[in-house]
Protein backbone atom coordinates (compact mmCIF):
# COMPACT_ATOMS: atom_id res chain seq x y z
CA MET A 1 12.10 -22.69 18.41
CA LEU A 2 10.08 -20.87 16.26
CA SER A 3 13.69 -20.13 13.69
CA ASN A 4 13.12 -23.80 12.91
CA ILE A 5 9.77 -23.39 11.13
CA GLY A 6 10.37 -21.73 8.17
CA ILE A 7 7.96 -20.04 5.57
CA PRO A 8 6.54 -23.85 4.55
CA GLY A 9 5.83 -25.08 8.38
CA LEU A 10 4.18 -20.84 8.77
CA ILE A 11 1.78 -21.49 6.16
CA LEU A 12 0.85 -24.58 7.27
CA ILE A 13 -0.05 -23.08 11.05
CA LEU A 14 -2.05 -20.13 9.06
CA VAL A 15 -3.99 -22.40 7.29
CA LEU A 16 -4.74 -24.94 10.18
CA ALA A 17 -5.67 -22.24 12.27
CA LEU A 18 -7.91 -20.60 9.12
CA ILE A 19 -9.58 -23.95 9.58
CA ILE A 20 -9.79 -24.78 13.17
CA PHE A 21 -11.08 -21.16 13.92
CA GLY A 22 -12.31 -19.74 10.49
CA PRO A 23 -11.74 -16.43 8.78
CA LYS A 24 -13.88 -14.14 11.38
CA LYS A 25 -12.17 -15.36 14.92
CA LEU A 26 -8.83 -15.28 13.37
CA PRO A 27 -8.44 -11.34 13.32
CA GLU A 28 -9.49 -11.21 17.03
CA ILE A 29 -6.94 -14.19 17.78
CA GLY A 30 -4.12 -12.49 16.16
CA ARG A 31 -5.22 -8.75 18.12
CA ALA A 32 -5.53 -10.62 21.09
CA VAL A 33 -1.94 -12.62 20.61
CA GLY A 34 -0.18 -9.28 19.84
CA GLN A 35 -1.66 -7.32 23.04
CA THR A 36 -0.39 -10.56 24.94
CA LEU A 37 3.01 -10.38 23.29
CA LYS A 38 3.10 -6.50 23.74
CA GLU A 39 2.23 -7.09 27.88
CA PHE A 40 4.89 -9.83 27.75
CA LYS A 41 7.50 -7.44 26.67
CA LYS A 42 7.07 -4.61 28.49
CA SER A 43 6.52 -6.66 31.62
CA ALA A 44 9.88 -8.00 31.09
CA ARG A 45 11.35 -4.92 30.48
CA GLU A 46 9.90 -3.55 33.59
CA LEU A 47 11.47 -6.11 35.68
CA THR A 48 14.83 -5.82 33.67
CA ASN A 49 14.87 -2.38 34.54
CA ASP A 50 13.41 -2.97 38.75
CA VAL A 51 16.36 -4.88 38.69
CA ALA A 52 19.34 -3.24 37.07
CA ASP A 53 18.14 -0.14 39.66
CA ASP A 54 17.98 -2.72 42.56
CA VAL A 55 21.78 -3.21 41.49
CA LYS A 56 22.62 -0.24 41.13
CA ASN A 57 21.54 0.88 44.61
CA GLU A 58 23.44 -1.87 45.99
CA ILE A 59 26.00 -1.02 44.50
CA ASN A 60 26.12 2.68 45.64
CA ASP A 61 25.21 1.22 49.51
CA VAL A 62 28.89 -0.85 49.01
CA LYS A 63 30.25 2.03 47.48
CA SER A 64 29.46 4.64 50.09
CA GLU A 65 30.40 2.37 53.12
CA ILE A 66 33.60 1.75 51.75
CA LYS A 67 34.03 5.35 51.70
CA ASP A 68 32.88 5.37 55.80
CA VAL A 69 35.33 2.90 56.35
CA LYS A 70 38.70 4.15 54.61
CA GLU A 71 37.78 7.35 56.52
CA THR A 72 37.29 5.65 59.42
CA VAL A 73 41.01 4.03 59.13
CA SER A 74 42.35 7.16 58.21
CA LYS A 75 41.43 8.75 61.37
């Protein structure tokens, strides 16, 4: 979505933001957007790591069960 905007579109968005919010509020809004994006990325990374850990645990459980079955069958 954002990849199709281009430089003229970004300039237009910045000018509109400057007109709507004014020069005093714009830095505050920029910081808030930056912090929000940072938190979103952090949450997404944590969720990805949690899912990866769960999958690894499940794989290890299945491997353990397969090993147990092989030992039982070979006896």
